[in-house]
Amino acid sequence: MRHTLITLFQQSPQAIGTLRDRLCAALRQAIHHGALSVGQRLPSSRVLAGDLNLSRVTVEAAYGQLEAEGYLQRRVGQGTFVAIRIAKSPPPATRTAMPRLSLRGQQIVHTGGCRDPQHPQAFAAGSPDLRAFPLALWKQLTAQRLRLQGESLLRYGDPQGYLPLREAIAAHVNQTRGVVCDASQVIVLTSSQQALQMIATLLLDSGDSVWMEEPGYAGARNAFISAGAALTPVAVDGDGLQAEPSLPDPRLIYLTPSHQYPTGAALSLARRLALLAQAERQQAWIIEDDYDSEFHYDGLPIPAMQGLDRHGRVLYLGTFSKSLFPSLRLAYLIVPPALVAPFVTARTVYDGHSAQLMQAVTAEFIRQGHFAARCAADGSARKAEPLRHGRSRRRRPAAQRLAAARPRGGAQPAGVAARRPYARVNGAIPNGSGPARWLAAGFFGPDAGRDPQRRRAAGADRRGLALPRRDAGRLIARSGASPPPAAGGRSPPASARRSNHRWRSAPSGCPAHCR
């Protein structure tokens, strides 16, 4: 027996841990394999320590650990004995059989699950450009929240979500999407997939009919199939989902109305109202998955369908995974007041609540206006897909735009004079005359690109990137440029040449977005 223990101890991998852990593993292995039988006495701690070249304290600690686990029994004055008989396990099967799963488990496995790429991939949906994320600002806000609320953020949180974040979400979707709600209707979740799974669990029974857009989002399809629902594919055209009278009455309707996935169609107003009326008549529920409302090429996004709901039949779903970053693991579900309590209770059964720290940082990020600024930035989230309010074309340096707009051999166009990208223009300039006209006509001449001071006043740095134009008059004065006469032979006023005023309005010929 002593030889067996010595061999097992020497063969035990050193990566297990301490010497005590290795000895415990060798003794367990000897008992499991039958080398030590029930009632057999083990060597004393002094003898075994000498055989294994260990300290007696280590052997005593190993014996005590195995006694606590039930393997050994120690009797005062008699010694240490094996206390348990373990049947030898059969040899492992060459082929592992599929474990028996429940019907629901089999349905979940059959769907194939939902996996997102862990690394950037071409044409992968839902992957933001993380290089444009303000990581330094996020670190600063995280350190600030830990400094101000450190201990409270380490405790268990509200299953419905961190209240300041719910208030920030309610205000944001109300202002940008027209969603009618307050913070008491917002539930903060880990992901939109978790929200769909909770909806399927709480609102669907096996065999209930669910209308799904075809083609549509596979994650929603998997969630409804796992609940045993009967899916009804509904075709999509340029105006969104086409509801036919021959379709079975739905218990639930899943929609991406503002930007249908994956075709990009928007559900028309007439069809929105018809679906809302049908949901009210048949007491059905509508899921509005507003998965990417922050992303837009031109104009404003279409208002949310939830804002048209007058009978409390729409559940509005959003996520921060695409507008901030995927590993944040924060999404939100806005439900009618009658469904708040059931969903909050169900959340306690799932995972309790989302991480308190990330909720607090996200709430502060929204409250300070960084989220709105990020959503309004030109191409800050995707280089190929500018965010909402972004222009589809890249900004060119101001000097290049003015040169392109100037007719060959002609004078500077009046409307170009006050185009000031990235700048707020301060004062009245009637009819394109005055200082702004003087800047365009005289200062942005053919040699402006070779003069660093003129380039800076023109809004271009050494690399040709557009910069904010501040105190252009001061830069012009330093450059020594002579102000030419403005249109009509009038010279600029002396106050314009001496002062550093910033004029508020642009000439009448300037486009509206420059004002």
Protein backbone atom coordinates (compact mmCIF):
# COMPACT_ATOMS: atom_id res chain seq x y z
CA MET A 1 0.00 0.00 0.00
CA ARG A 2 2.79 2.41 0.90
CA HIS A 3 4.45 1.66 -2.44
CA THR A 4 1.15 2.37 -4.23
CA LEU A 5 0.77 5.73 -2.50
CA ILE A 6 4.36 6.65 -3.31
CA THR A 7 3.80 5.82 -7.01
CA LEU A 8 0.50 7.71 -7.23
CA PHE A 9 2.00 10.75 -5.52
CA GLN A 10 5.00 10.81 -7.84
CA GLN A 11 2.77 10.43 -10.90
CA SER A 12 0.35 13.18 -9.86
CA PRO A 13 0.75 16.27 -12.06
CA GLN A 14 2.57 19.12 -10.40
CA ALA A 15 0.09 21.58 -11.94
CA ILE A 16 -2.58 20.45 -9.45
CA GLY A 17 -1.32 22.90 -6.84
CA THR A 18 0.42 22.55 -3.49
CA LEU A 19 2.00 19.37 -2.09
CA ARG A 20 -1.07 18.90 0.08
CA ASP A 21 -3.33 19.05 -2.98
CA ARG A 22 -1.17 16.49 -4.80
CA LEU A 23 -1.31 14.12 -1.85
CA CYS A 24 -5.09 14.50 -1.58
CA ALA A 25 -5.45 13.71 -5.28
CA ALA A 26 -3.26 10.58 -4.95
CA LEU A 27 -5.30 9.30 -1.98
CA ARG A 28 -8.61 9.93 -3.76
CA GLN A 29 -7.36 8.13 -6.86
CA ALA A 30 -6.25 5.13 -4.77
CA ILE A 31 -9.69 4.89 -3.11
CA HIS A 32 -11.60 5.29 -6.41
CA HIS A 33 -9.51 2.67 -8.22
CA GLY A 34 -9.78 0.14 -5.35
CA ALA A 35 -6.14 0.28 -4.26
CA LEU A 36 -7.46 1.28 -0.81
CA SER A 37 -10.53 -0.60 0.40
CA VAL A 38 -13.07 0.38 3.05
CA GLY A 39 -11.78 -0.11 6.61
CA GLN A 40 -8.14 -0.33 5.55
CA ARG A 41 -5.72 1.48 7.79
CA LEU A 42 -3.42 4.11 6.30
CA PRO A 43 0.19 4.73 7.38
CA SER A 44 0.66 7.20 10.19
CA SER A 45 1.38 10.76 9.22
CA ARG A 46 4.99 10.44 10.42
CA VAL A 47 5.67 7.30 8.36
CA LEU A 48 3.98 8.60 5.21
CA ALA A 49 5.80 11.93 5.52
CA GLY A 50 9.11 10.08 5.60
CA ASP A 51 8.22 7.89 2.61
CA LEU A 52 7.14 10.85 0.46
CA ASN A 53 9.81 13.26 1.74
CA LEU A 54 7.15 15.68 2.97
CA SER A 55 6.63 17.49 6.21
CA ARG A 56 4.33 15.87 8.75
CA VAL A 57 2.20 19.04 8.78
CA THR A 58 1.47 18.55 5.06
CA VAL A 59 0.37 14.94 5.57
CA GLU A 60 -1.80 15.89 8.57
CA ALA A 61 -3.46 18.61 6.49
CA ALA A 62 -4.17 16.12 3.66
CA TYR A 63 -5.65 13.57 6.07
CA GLY A 64 -7.82 16.27 7.63
CA GLN A 65 -9.09 17.44 4.23
CA LEU A 66 -10.07 13.91 3.13
CA GLU A 67 -11.74 13.29 6.50
CA ALA A 68 -13.85 16.41 5.95
CA GLU A 69 -14.78 15.13 2.48
CA GLY A 70 -15.85 11.75 3.87
CA TYR A 71 -13.09 9.61 2.40
CA LEU A 72 -11.25 8.89 5.68
CA GLN A 73 -12.11 8.33 9.33
CA ARG A 74 -9.63 9.15 12.11
CA ARG A 75 -9.85 7.37 15.44
CA VAL A 76 -7.96 8.58 18.48
CA GLY A 77 -5.30 6.07 19.48
CA GLN A 78 -6.04 3.74 16.56
CA GLY A 79 -5.08 5.56 13.36
CA THR A 80 -6.61 6.67 10.05
CA PHE A 81 -8.93 4.37 8.07
CA VAL A 82 -10.69 4.40 4.70
CA ALA A 83 -14.33 5.27 5.39
CA ILE A 84 -16.07 4.70 2.05
CA ARG A 85 -16.39 2.01 -0.63
CA ILE A 86 -16.58 3.27 -4.20
CA ALA A 87 -17.50 0.89 -6.99
CA LYS A 88 -15.09 0.78 -9.84
CA SER A 89 -16.37 2.86 -12.74
CA PRO A 90 -16.79 1.00 -16.04
CA PRO A 91 -14.34 1.70 -18.83
CA PRO A 92 -15.31 4.74 -20.86
CA ALA A 93 -17.47 4.05 -23.87
CA THR A 94 -15.83 4.50 -27.23
CA ARG A 95 -18.81 6.54 -28.46
CA THR A 96 -20.66 8.99 -26.21
CA ALA A 97 -24.42 8.73 -26.56
CA MET A 98 -26.51 11.88 -26.87
CA PRO A 99 -27.92 12.74 -23.43
CA ARG A 100 -31.67 12.68 -23.08
CA LEU A 101 -33.04 16.22 -23.23
CA SER A 102 -36.49 17.59 -22.57
CA LEU A 103 -38.70 18.43 -25.51
CA ARG A 104 -37.95 22.11 -24.97
CA GLY A 105 -34.22 21.36 -24.76
CA GLN A 106 -34.36 19.41 -28.01
CA GLN A 107 -36.13 22.32 -29.71
CA ILE A 108 -33.47 24.76 -28.49
CA VAL A 109 -30.61 22.55 -29.69
CA HIS A 110 -32.36 21.97 -33.01
CA THR A 111 -32.43 25.73 -33.74
CA GLY A 112 -28.62 25.84 -33.74
CA GLY A 113 -28.49 28.72 -31.25
CA CYS A 114 -27.36 32.31 -31.82
CA ARG A 115 -23.67 33.08 -32.07
CA ASP A 116 -22.11 36.43 -32.87
CA PRO A 117 -18.58 36.69 -34.33
CA GLN A 118 -15.92 37.34 -31.70
CA HIS A 119 -13.68 39.08 -34.24
CA PRO A 120 -14.47 41.51 -37.07
CA GLN A 121 -15.72 39.75 -40.17
CA ALA A 122 -16.72 41.00 -43.59
CA PHE A 123 -20.47 41.67 -43.95
CA ALA A 124 -21.16 40.60 -40.35
CA ALA A 125 -24.34 42.32 -39.16
CA GLY A 126 -24.38 44.13 -35.84
CA SER A 127 -20.63 44.77 -35.50
CA PRO A 128 -19.83 48.45 -34.80
CA ASP A 129 -16.50 50.07 -35.58
CA LEU A 130 -14.88 49.91 -32.15
CA ARG A 131 -11.93 52.02 -33.30
CA ALA A 132 -14.22 55.05 -33.21
CA PHE A 133 -15.44 54.40 -29.66
CA PRO A 134 -14.34 57.08 -27.10
CA LEU A 135 -12.49 54.64 -24.88
CA ALA A 136 -10.59 57.30 -22.91
CA LEU A 137 -13.86 59.03 -22.02
CA TRP A 138 -15.41 55.70 -21.00
CA LYS A 139 -12.46 54.99 -18.69
CA GLN A 140 -12.85 58.43 -17.15
CA LEU A 141 -16.56 57.92 -16.48
CA THR A 142 -15.91 54.44 -15.05
CA ALA A 143 -13.30 55.79 -12.63
CA GLN A 144 -15.65 58.63 -11.67
CA ARG A 145 -18.56 56.26 -10.91
CA LEU A 146 -16.30 54.00 -8.84
CA ARG A 147 -14.98 56.98 -6.91
CA LEU A 148 -18.44 58.39 -6.16
CA GLN A 149 -20.54 55.23 -5.86
CA GLY A 150 -18.01 52.43 -5.50
CA GLU A 151 -19.51 50.49 -2.59
CA SER A 152 -23.14 50.82 -3.66
CA LEU A 153 -22.35 49.57 -7.18
CA LEU A 154 -20.84 46.38 -5.77
CA ARG A 155 -24.11 45.26 -4.20
CA TYR A 156 -27.04 43.41 -5.75
CA GLY A 157 -29.11 45.63 -8.01
CA ASP A 158 -32.73 46.23 -8.93
CA PRO A 159 -34.02 43.43 -11.23
CA GLN A 160 -35.80 46.08 -13.30
CA GLY A 161 -32.57 48.00 -13.81
CA TYR A 162 -30.58 50.90 -12.42
CA LEU A 163 -33.07 53.77 -12.01
CA PRO A 164 -30.90 56.60 -13.48
CA LEU A 165 -30.29 54.44 -16.56
CA ARG A 166 -34.00 53.70 -16.94
CA GLU A 167 -34.74 57.42 -16.70
CA ALA A 168 -32.05 58.21 -19.29
CA ILE A 169 -33.37 55.53 -21.66
CA ALA A 170 -36.96 56.75 -21.31
CA ALA A 171 -35.93 60.34 -22.06
CA HIS A 172 -33.74 59.30 -25.00
CA VAL A 173 -36.33 57.14 -26.80
CA ASN A 174 -39.02 59.74 -26.15
CA GLN A 175 -36.98 62.52 -27.75
CA THR A 176 -35.43 60.57 -30.63
CA ARG A 177 -37.97 57.84 -31.40
CA GLY A 178 -41.30 59.21 -30.20
CA VAL A 179 -41.79 56.36 -27.71
CA VAL A 180 -44.44 57.13 -25.10
CA CYS A 181 -43.24 55.78 -21.76
CA ASP A 182 -41.68 56.61 -18.41
CA ALA A 183 -38.90 54.99 -16.39
CA SER A 184 -41.33 52.64 -14.63
CA GLN A 185 -41.99 50.85 -17.95
CA VAL A 186 -38.32 50.31 -18.83
CA ILE A 187 -36.64 46.99 -18.00
CA VAL A 188 -32.86 46.81 -18.41
CA LEU A 189 -31.71 43.40 -19.67
CA THR A 190 -28.50 41.71 -20.71
CA SER A 191 -29.32 41.44 -24.42
CA SER A 192 -32.16 41.66 -26.91
CA GLN A 193 -31.99 37.87 -27.20
CA GLN A 194 -32.73 37.57 -23.49
CA ALA A 195 -35.68 39.92 -23.96
CA LEU A 196 -37.07 37.75 -26.78
CA GLN A 197 -36.63 34.62 -24.66
CA MET A 198 -38.49 36.22 -21.75
CA ILE A 199 -41.31 37.38 -24.05
CA ALA A 200 -41.65 33.89 -25.51
CA THR A 201 -41.71 32.33 -22.03
CA LEU A 202 -44.27 34.74 -20.54
CA LEU A 203 -46.62 35.39 -23.47
CA LEU A 204 -46.62 32.21 -25.56
CA ASP A 205 -47.98 28.72 -24.98
CA SER A 206 -47.09 25.70 -27.03
CA GLY A 207 -48.88 25.86 -30.39
CA ASP A 208 -49.58 29.64 -30.31
CA SER A 209 -49.31 31.34 -33.70
CA VAL A 210 -46.51 33.86 -34.19
CA TRP A 211 -46.24 36.03 -37.30
CA MET A 212 -42.64 36.37 -38.43
CA GLU A 213 -41.25 38.52 -41.24
CA GLU A 214 -39.89 36.41 -44.09
CA PRO A 215 -36.98 36.88 -44.43
CA GLY A 216 -36.41 37.84 -40.80
CA TYR A 217 -34.18 37.73 -37.76
CA ALA A 218 -33.07 34.18 -36.89
CA GLY A 219 -32.58 34.97 -33.20
CA ALA A 220 -36.28 35.81 -32.78
CA ARG A 221 -37.26 32.68 -34.70
CA ASN A 222 -35.12 30.53 -32.39
CA ALA A 223 -36.64 32.08 -29.27
CA PHE A 224 -40.21 31.40 -30.43
CA ILE A 225 -39.45 27.87 -31.62
CA SER A 226 -37.89 27.03 -28.25
CA ALA A 227 -41.17 28.04 -26.59
CA GLY A 228 -43.09 25.63 -28.83
CA ALA A 229 -44.81 28.33 -30.88
CA ALA A 230 -46.14 27.74 -34.40
CA LEU A 231 -44.37 30.19 -36.72
CA THR A 232 -46.27 31.77 -39.60
CA PRO A 233 -43.88 33.29 -42.20
CA VAL A 234 -45.29 36.51 -43.68
CA ALA A 235 -43.83 37.96 -46.88
CA VAL A 236 -42.20 41.41 -46.90
CA ASP A 237 -42.33 43.94 -49.76
CA GLY A 238 -41.21 47.55 -50.11
CA ASP A 239 -43.80 48.69 -47.54
CA GLY A 240 -42.94 46.03 -44.97
CA LEU A 241 -44.92 43.03 -43.74
CA GLN A 242 -47.92 42.02 -45.92
CA ALA A 243 -50.70 40.77 -43.64
CA GLU A 244 -53.17 38.64 -45.62
CA PRO A 245 -56.69 37.81 -44.39
CA SER A 246 -56.02 34.09 -44.94
CA LEU A 247 -53.32 34.00 -42.24
CA PRO A 248 -54.16 32.40 -38.87
CA ASP A 249 -54.98 34.73 -35.99
CA PRO A 250 -51.71 35.62 -34.27
CA ARG A 251 -50.96 35.54 -30.58
CA LEU A 252 -47.80 37.57 -31.22
CA ILE A 253 -46.42 39.58 -34.17
CA TYR A 254 -42.67 40.18 -34.44
CA LEU A 255 -41.68 43.27 -36.47
CA THR A 256 -38.65 45.39 -37.33
CA PRO A 257 -40.81 48.23 -38.71
CA SER A 258 -38.33 51.12 -38.94
CA HIS A 259 -35.64 49.16 -40.78
CA GLN A 260 -36.70 45.62 -41.67
CA TYR A 261 -34.02 43.01 -41.18
CA PRO A 262 -32.46 42.16 -43.58
CA THR A 263 -34.19 43.92 -46.52
CA GLY A 264 -34.13 47.44 -45.02
CA ALA A 265 -37.78 48.19 -45.90
CA ALA A 266 -39.80 50.49 -43.64
CA LEU A 267 -43.32 49.50 -42.61
CA SER A 268 -45.79 52.01 -44.07
CA LEU A 269 -48.06 54.06 -41.84
CA ALA A 270 -51.20 52.42 -43.19
CA ARG A 271 -49.90 48.94 -42.39
CA ARG A 272 -48.75 50.04 -38.94
CA LEU A 273 -52.23 51.30 -38.09
CA ALA A 274 -53.84 48.16 -39.53
CA LEU A 275 -51.60 45.87 -37.44
CA LEU A 276 -52.26 47.88 -34.29
CA ALA A 277 -56.01 47.63 -34.89
CA GLN A 278 -55.74 43.89 -35.50
CA ALA A 279 -53.70 43.40 -32.32
CA GLU A 280 -56.38 45.24 -30.33
CA ARG A 281 -59.22 43.20 -31.84
CA GLN A 282 -57.54 39.84 -31.30
CA GLN A 283 -55.72 40.73 -28.04
CA ALA A 284 -52.39 39.92 -29.67
CA TRP A 285 -49.00 41.37 -28.78
CA ILE A 286 -46.61 43.20 -31.13
CA ILE A 287 -42.84 43.15 -30.61
CA GLU A 288 -41.17 46.20 -32.14
CA ASP A 289 -37.48 45.36 -32.43
CA ASP A 290 -35.81 48.74 -33.01
CA TYR A 291 -32.37 47.20 -33.28
CA ASP A 292 -30.48 49.95 -35.18
CA SER A 293 -32.52 53.15 -35.06
CA GLU A 294 -29.34 55.17 -34.30
CA PHE A 295 -27.88 54.40 -37.74
CA HIS A 296 -29.06 56.54 -40.65
CA TYR A 297 -27.67 57.89 -43.89
CA ASP A 298 -29.87 60.97 -44.34
CA GLY A 299 -32.66 62.78 -42.54
CA LEU A 300 -34.44 61.60 -39.43
CA PRO A 301 -35.47 58.04 -38.59
CA ILE A 302 -39.09 56.99 -38.85
CA PRO A 303 -40.83 57.37 -35.47
CA ALA A 304 -41.38 54.20 -33.48
CA MET A 305 -44.56 52.21 -33.94
CA GLN A 306 -45.00 52.18 -30.16
CA GLY A 307 -45.84 55.89 -30.24
CA LEU A 308 -48.99 55.08 -32.27
CA ASP A 309 -50.20 52.43 -29.82
CA ARG A 310 -53.20 53.58 -27.79
CA HIS A 311 -54.19 50.23 -26.26
CA GLY A 312 -50.95 48.92 -24.75
CA ARG A 313 -50.25 46.08 -27.20
CA VAL A 314 -46.66 46.96 -28.26
CA LEU A 315 -43.44 45.84 -26.54
CA TYR A 316 -40.52 48.03 -27.65
CA LEU A 317 -37.04 46.48 -27.75
CA GLY A 318 -33.67 48.24 -28.06
CA THR A 319 -30.00 47.50 -27.44
CA PHE A 320 -26.68 49.28 -26.83
CA SER A 321 -24.60 46.52 -28.42
CA LYS A 322 -24.51 48.24 -31.82
CA SER A 323 -24.46 51.89 -30.77
CA LEU A 324 -21.81 51.46 -28.02
CA PHE A 325 -20.01 48.09 -27.95
CA PRO A 326 -21.14 44.44 -27.89
CA SER A 327 -19.49 43.30 -24.64
CA LEU A 328 -21.39 45.98 -22.70
CA ARG A 329 -24.27 43.46 -22.55
CA LEU A 330 -27.04 45.99 -22.00
CA ALA A 331 -30.41 46.12 -23.73
CA TYR A 332 -33.81 47.43 -22.73
CA LEU A 333 -37.43 46.39 -23.07
CA ILE A 334 -40.29 48.89 -22.75
CA VAL A 335 -43.54 47.14 -21.88
CA PRO A 336 -47.12 48.27 -21.17
CA PRO A 337 -47.72 49.03 -17.46
CA ALA A 338 -49.71 45.82 -16.95
CA LEU A 339 -46.71 43.69 -17.96
CA VAL A 340 -44.05 45.36 -15.78
CA ALA A 341 -44.54 43.21 -12.67
CA PRO A 342 -44.57 39.84 -14.51
CA PHE A 343 -41.43 40.68 -16.47
CA VAL A 344 -39.54 41.94 -13.41
CA THR A 345 -40.43 38.74 -11.55
CA ALA A 346 -39.27 36.65 -14.51
CA ARG A 347 -35.99 38.59 -14.53
CA THR A 348 -35.28 37.44 -10.98
CA VAL A 349 -35.54 33.84 -12.21
CA TYR A 350 -33.14 34.40 -15.13
CA ASP A 351 -30.01 36.24 -13.99
CA GLY A 352 -31.27 38.73 -11.41
CA HIS A 353 -29.94 41.96 -12.89
CA SER A 354 -27.32 43.41 -15.19
CA ALA A 355 -23.94 44.64 -13.91
CA GLN A 356 -24.45 47.70 -11.73
CA LEU A 357 -21.20 49.42 -12.73
CA MET A 358 -21.85 49.23 -16.47
CA GLN A 359 -25.40 50.49 -15.98
CA ALA A 360 -24.15 53.47 -13.95
CA VAL A 361 -21.46 54.36 -16.51
CA THR A 362 -23.93 54.07 -19.40
CA ALA A 363 -26.43 56.28 -17.57
CA GLU A 364 -23.78 58.95 -17.05
CA PHE A 365 -22.64 58.63 -20.67
CA ILE A 366 -26.19 59.37 -21.80
CA ARG A 367 -26.88 62.06 -19.19
CA GLN A 368 -23.81 64.10 -20.15
CA GLY A 369 -24.83 64.06 -23.81
CA HIS A 370 -22.03 61.82 -25.11
CA PHE A 371 -24.43 59.20 -26.45
CA ALA A 372 -26.43 61.79 -28.42
CA ALA A 373 -23.20 63.32 -29.74
CA ARG A 374 -21.93 59.91 -30.78
CA CYS A 375 -25.17 59.12 -32.58
CA ALA A 376 -25.06 62.49 -34.35
CA ALA A 377 -21.40 62.31 -35.40
CA ASP A 378 -20.51 61.94 -39.07
CA GLY A 379 -19.42 58.37 -39.59
CA SER A 380 -18.16 57.96 -36.03
CA ALA A 381 -19.55 54.48 -35.59
CA ARG A 382 -19.23 53.05 -39.12
CA LYS A 383 -17.06 54.49 -41.84
CA ALA A 384 -19.24 53.00 -44.53
CA GLU A 385 -22.52 53.88 -42.76
CA PRO A 386 -22.68 57.34 -41.10
CA LEU A 387 -24.86 57.65 -38.05
CA ARG A 388 -28.09 59.63 -37.96
CA HIS A 389 -27.71 63.31 -38.91
CA GLY A 390 -24.46 62.37 -40.73
CA ARG A 391 -23.84 63.49 -44.27
CA SER A 392 -23.23 60.81 -46.85
CA ARG A 393 -20.21 62.54 -48.31
CA ARG A 394 -16.85 63.05 -46.64
CA ARG A 395 -16.04 66.58 -45.58
CA ARG A 396 -13.36 68.17 -47.70
CA PRO A 397 -11.02 70.88 -46.44
CA ALA A 398 -12.56 74.31 -46.69
CA ALA A 399 -9.97 75.65 -49.12
CA GLN A 400 -10.62 72.75 -51.52
CA ARG A 401 -14.39 73.28 -51.38
CA LEU A 402 -14.03 76.99 -52.07
CA ALA A 403 -11.64 76.35 -54.93
CA ALA A 404 -14.02 73.81 -56.45
CA ALA A 405 -16.97 76.19 -56.13
CA ARG A 406 -15.13 79.16 -57.69
CA PRO A 407 -15.68 79.46 -61.47
CA ARG A 408 -12.45 79.31 -63.41
CA GLY A 409 -11.13 82.84 -63.73
CA GLY A 410 -14.18 84.27 -61.94
CA ALA A 411 -15.03 85.76 -58.58
CA GLN A 412 -15.91 83.87 -55.44
CA PRO A 413 -19.60 82.84 -55.34
CA ALA A 414 -21.60 84.76 -52.78
CA GLY A 415 -23.16 81.67 -51.24
CA VAL A 416 -19.79 80.07 -50.54
CA ALA A 417 -18.51 82.97 -48.51
CA ALA A 418 -19.84 81.90 -45.13
CA ARG A 419 -19.74 78.12 -45.35
CA ARG A 420 -17.97 77.36 -42.13
CA PRO A 421 -17.79 73.64 -41.37
CA TYR A 422 -17.36 72.65 -37.74
CA ALA A 423 -17.84 76.29 -36.67
CA ARG A 424 -20.60 78.39 -35.18
CA VAL A 425 -20.94 81.62 -37.08
CA ASN A 426 -21.70 84.68 -34.90
CA GLY A 427 -23.29 88.12 -36.17
CA ALA A 428 -25.26 89.55 -39.05
CA ILE A 429 -23.79 89.68 -42.54
CA PRO A 430 -26.39 91.21 -44.86
CA ASN A 431 -26.53 89.85 -48.42
CA GLY A 432 -23.13 88.19 -48.31
CA SER A 433 -21.25 91.49 -47.96
CA GLY A 434 -18.97 92.64 -45.18
CA PRO A 435 -16.22 90.64 -43.48
CA ALA A 436 -17.33 87.18 -44.62
CA ARG A 437 -17.43 88.38 -48.25
CA TRP A 438 -14.03 89.94 -47.77
CA LEU A 439 -12.65 86.65 -46.36
CA ALA A 440 -13.93 84.67 -49.31
CA ALA A 441 -12.93 87.12 -52.02
CA GLY A 442 -9.55 88.27 -50.74
CA PHE A 443 -8.16 85.91 -48.19
CA PHE A 444 -8.93 82.57 -49.82
CA GLY A 445 -7.01 83.41 -52.97
CA PRO A 446 -5.17 80.98 -55.27
CA ASP A 447 -2.11 81.08 -53.00
CA ALA A 448 -4.06 80.43 -49.79
CA GLY A 449 -2.96 76.79 -49.76
CA ARG A 450 0.71 77.79 -49.49
CA ASP A 451 0.20 80.20 -46.57
CA PRO A 452 -0.11 78.34 -43.23
CA GLN A 453 -1.98 81.21 -41.58
CA ARG A 454 -4.42 81.45 -44.47
CA ARG A 455 -4.86 77.68 -44.44
CA ARG A 456 -5.74 77.84 -40.77
CA ALA A 457 -8.23 80.65 -41.29
CA ALA A 458 -9.69 78.67 -44.18
CA GLY A 459 -10.31 75.77 -41.82
CA ALA A 460 -7.54 73.42 -43.00
CA ASP A 461 -4.52 72.24 -41.08
CA ARG A 462 -1.23 70.98 -42.48
CA ARG A 463 -2.76 67.61 -43.34
CA GLY A 464 -5.66 69.14 -45.22
CA LEU A 465 -8.28 68.30 -42.55
CA ALA A 466 -11.10 70.71 -41.74
CA LEU A 467 -10.66 72.57 -38.44
CA PRO A 468 -12.93 74.88 -36.44
CA ARG A 469 -12.45 78.47 -37.54
CA ARG A 470 -12.13 80.80 -34.59
CA ASP A 471 -10.98 84.39 -34.60
CA ALA A 472 -10.33 84.42 -38.32
CA GLY A 473 -9.91 88.19 -38.24
CA ARG A 474 -6.99 87.88 -35.86
CA LEU A 475 -5.25 85.38 -38.12
CA ILE A 476 -5.84 87.60 -41.16
CA ALA A 477 -4.44 90.61 -39.36
CA ARG A 478 -1.31 88.66 -38.45
CA SER A 479 -0.86 87.48 -42.02
CA GLY A 480 -0.75 91.04 -43.34
CA ALA A 481 -3.32 90.36 -46.04
CA SER A 482 -4.98 93.44 -47.51
CA PRO A 483 -8.75 93.29 -47.50
CA PRO A 484 -10.04 93.78 -51.04
CA PRO A 485 -13.20 95.71 -51.79
CA ALA A 486 -16.40 93.73 -51.29
CA ALA A 487 -19.19 93.45 -53.84
CA GLY A 488 -20.33 96.84 -55.08
CA GLY A 489 -16.97 98.52 -54.45
CA ARG A 490 -17.47 98.83 -50.73
CA SER A 491 -14.52 98.22 -48.44
CA PRO A 492 -15.02 96.28 -45.22
CA PRO A 493 -15.64 98.47 -42.17
CA ALA A 494 -12.70 99.37 -39.98
CA SER A 495 -14.31 97.57 -37.05
CA ALA A 496 -14.23 94.35 -39.06
CA ARG A 497 -10.53 94.77 -39.79
CA ARG A 498 -9.62 95.55 -36.17
CA SER A 499 -11.93 93.30 -34.19
CA ASN A 500 -12.13 89.59 -33.62
CA HIS A 501 -15.92 89.38 -33.73
CA ARG A 502 -17.66 86.17 -34.69
CA TRP A 503 -20.72 86.81 -36.79
CA ARG A 504 -23.84 84.77 -36.02
CA SER A 505 -25.73 84.38 -39.27
CA ALA A 506 -24.66 83.41 -42.75
CA PRO A 507 -25.50 85.16 -46.02
CA SER A 508 -28.87 84.48 -47.52
CA GLY A 509 -27.27 82.32 -50.21
CA CYS A 510 -25.81 79.87 -47.68
CA PRO A 511 -27.62 76.55 -47.24
CA ALA A 512 -29.77 76.10 -44.15
CA HIS A 513 -27.41 73.62 -42.47
CA CYS A 514 -24.60 76.24 -42.44
CA ARG A 515 -26.59 78.73 -40.36
